Structures are given as C-alpha cells and as structure tokens.
Amino acid sequence: MATVLATVFRISIDFLNRYPHYAIAFRGSDDRRNRLYRMALGRELEKLTSDYDLYGFNGQGFVLFDRNESYGGFLIRKCR
C-alpha cells in the first residue's frame, strides 16, 4: 500500500507542476483510508507546504490541513 500511495503522490505532484491552475481533490473509500491518507500527508507536510496548499474537508468545506484533525476528503493545489 505504501508503494501505491507514493506512486499516486508523485503522479499528483507531476500533474500539479504541469497544470498549476488545477487542484486535486481525493478521499478514501472509508474512514480507515482517510486516516491512512491523513497520516501520509502529515508525514510529508513540511515538504508539501513550501510549494503546495493542502486542505482537508471538514463536512462544511475545505480548511487548511491540520495533521491532528480528521477529514472526509483532501485537496491539494500548487501555491499561488
């Protein structure tokens, strides 16, 4: 599973670098997957936030990502 996540992450970053005016939204198929994604994003947070904005969906909208919060989905975009 870690290899799959790393591959998807690299493809996503490549896409955003080629098309910086787009954003990528994603969610897990269940709470367990969302937790897995949150943990993976939290581990890479410092690397990501220098070039990308990362958000979590809290049920009412997207808010800045906090590794200690649970989210129903995620959104990443190139910093503007």
Protein backbone atom coordinates (compact mmCIF):
# COMPACT_ATOMS: atom_id res chain seq x y z
CA MET A 1 0.00 0.00 0.00
CA ALA A 2 2.83 2.43 0.77
CA THR A 3 4.24 1.96 -2.73
CA VAL A 4 0.86 2.70 -4.29
CA LEU A 5 0.45 5.87 -2.21
CA ALA A 6 3.95 7.04 -3.10
CA THR A 7 3.28 6.47 -6.80
CA VAL A 8 -0.03 8.32 -6.73
CA PHE A 9 1.61 11.14 -4.78
CA ARG A 10 4.42 11.51 -7.37
CA ILE A 11 1.93 11.49 -10.25
CA SER A 12 -0.20 14.10 -8.48
CA ILE A 13 2.79 16.39 -7.90
CA ASP A 14 3.86 16.00 -11.52
CA PHE A 15 0.33 16.87 -12.69
CA LEU A 16 0.17 19.98 -10.48
CA ASN A 17 3.58 21.13 -11.68
CA ARG A 18 2.42 20.81 -15.31
CA TYR A 19 -1.03 22.30 -14.68
CA PRO A 20 -0.67 24.69 -11.70
CA HIS A 21 -4.13 26.24 -12.18
CA TYR A 22 -5.81 22.92 -11.29
CA ALA A 23 -6.34 21.28 -7.91
CA ILE A 24 -6.66 17.61 -6.99
CA ALA A 25 -9.38 16.52 -4.57
CA PHE A 26 -9.50 12.98 -3.20
CA ARG A 27 -10.96 10.90 -0.40
CA GLY A 28 -10.73 7.40 0.92
CA SER A 29 -13.39 4.79 0.43
CA ASP A 30 -13.90 4.67 4.21
CA ASP A 31 -12.72 6.31 7.46
CA ARG A 32 -9.78 3.94 7.74
CA ARG A 33 -8.47 5.01 4.31
CA ASN A 34 -8.98 8.68 5.11
CA ARG A 35 -6.93 8.19 8.27
CA LEU A 36 -4.20 6.48 6.25
CA TYR A 37 -4.13 9.40 3.78
CA ARG A 38 -4.10 11.94 6.62
CA MET A 39 -1.14 10.19 8.24
CA ALA A 40 0.77 10.03 4.94
CA LEU A 41 0.11 13.71 4.23
CA GLY A 42 1.07 14.63 7.79
CA ARG A 43 4.44 12.91 7.38
CA GLU A 44 5.14 14.92 4.21
CA LEU A 45 3.57 18.18 5.41
CA GLU A 46 6.75 20.24 5.70
CA LYS A 47 7.90 19.22 2.23
CA LEU A 48 4.49 19.88 0.72
CA THR A 49 3.67 23.26 2.19
CA SER A 50 6.62 25.04 0.62
CA ASP A 51 5.13 24.54 -2.88
CA TYR A 52 1.55 23.34 -2.35
CA ASP A 53 -1.55 24.32 -0.41
CA LEU A 54 -3.14 21.39 1.39
CA TYR A 55 -6.71 21.34 2.67
CA GLY A 56 -8.99 18.90 4.45
CA PHE A 57 -12.77 18.67 4.07
CA ASN A 58 -14.40 19.03 7.48
CA GLY A 59 -18.01 18.41 6.45
CA GLN A 60 -18.78 22.06 5.72
CA GLY A 61 -15.94 22.98 3.39
CA PHE A 62 -12.23 22.82 2.82
CA VAL A 63 -10.00 24.17 5.59
CA LEU A 64 -6.22 24.32 5.90
CA PHE A 65 -4.89 20.84 6.64
CA ASP A 66 -4.03 20.03 10.25
CA ARG A 67 -2.40 16.64 10.78
CA ASN A 68 -4.30 16.24 14.09
CA GLU A 69 -7.78 16.65 12.59
CA SER A 70 -9.94 14.07 10.83
CA TYR A 71 -11.27 14.88 7.37
CA GLY A 72 -13.72 13.41 4.92
CA GLY A 73 -11.51 14.31 1.97
CA PHE A 74 -8.48 16.29 0.90
CA LEU A 75 -7.47 18.87 -1.68
CA ILE A 76 -4.00 19.85 -2.85
CA ARG A 77 -3.05 22.67 -5.20
CA LYS A 78 0.07 24.49 -6.29
CA CYS A 79 0.76 27.61 -4.18
CA ARG A 80 -0.22 30.78 -5.96
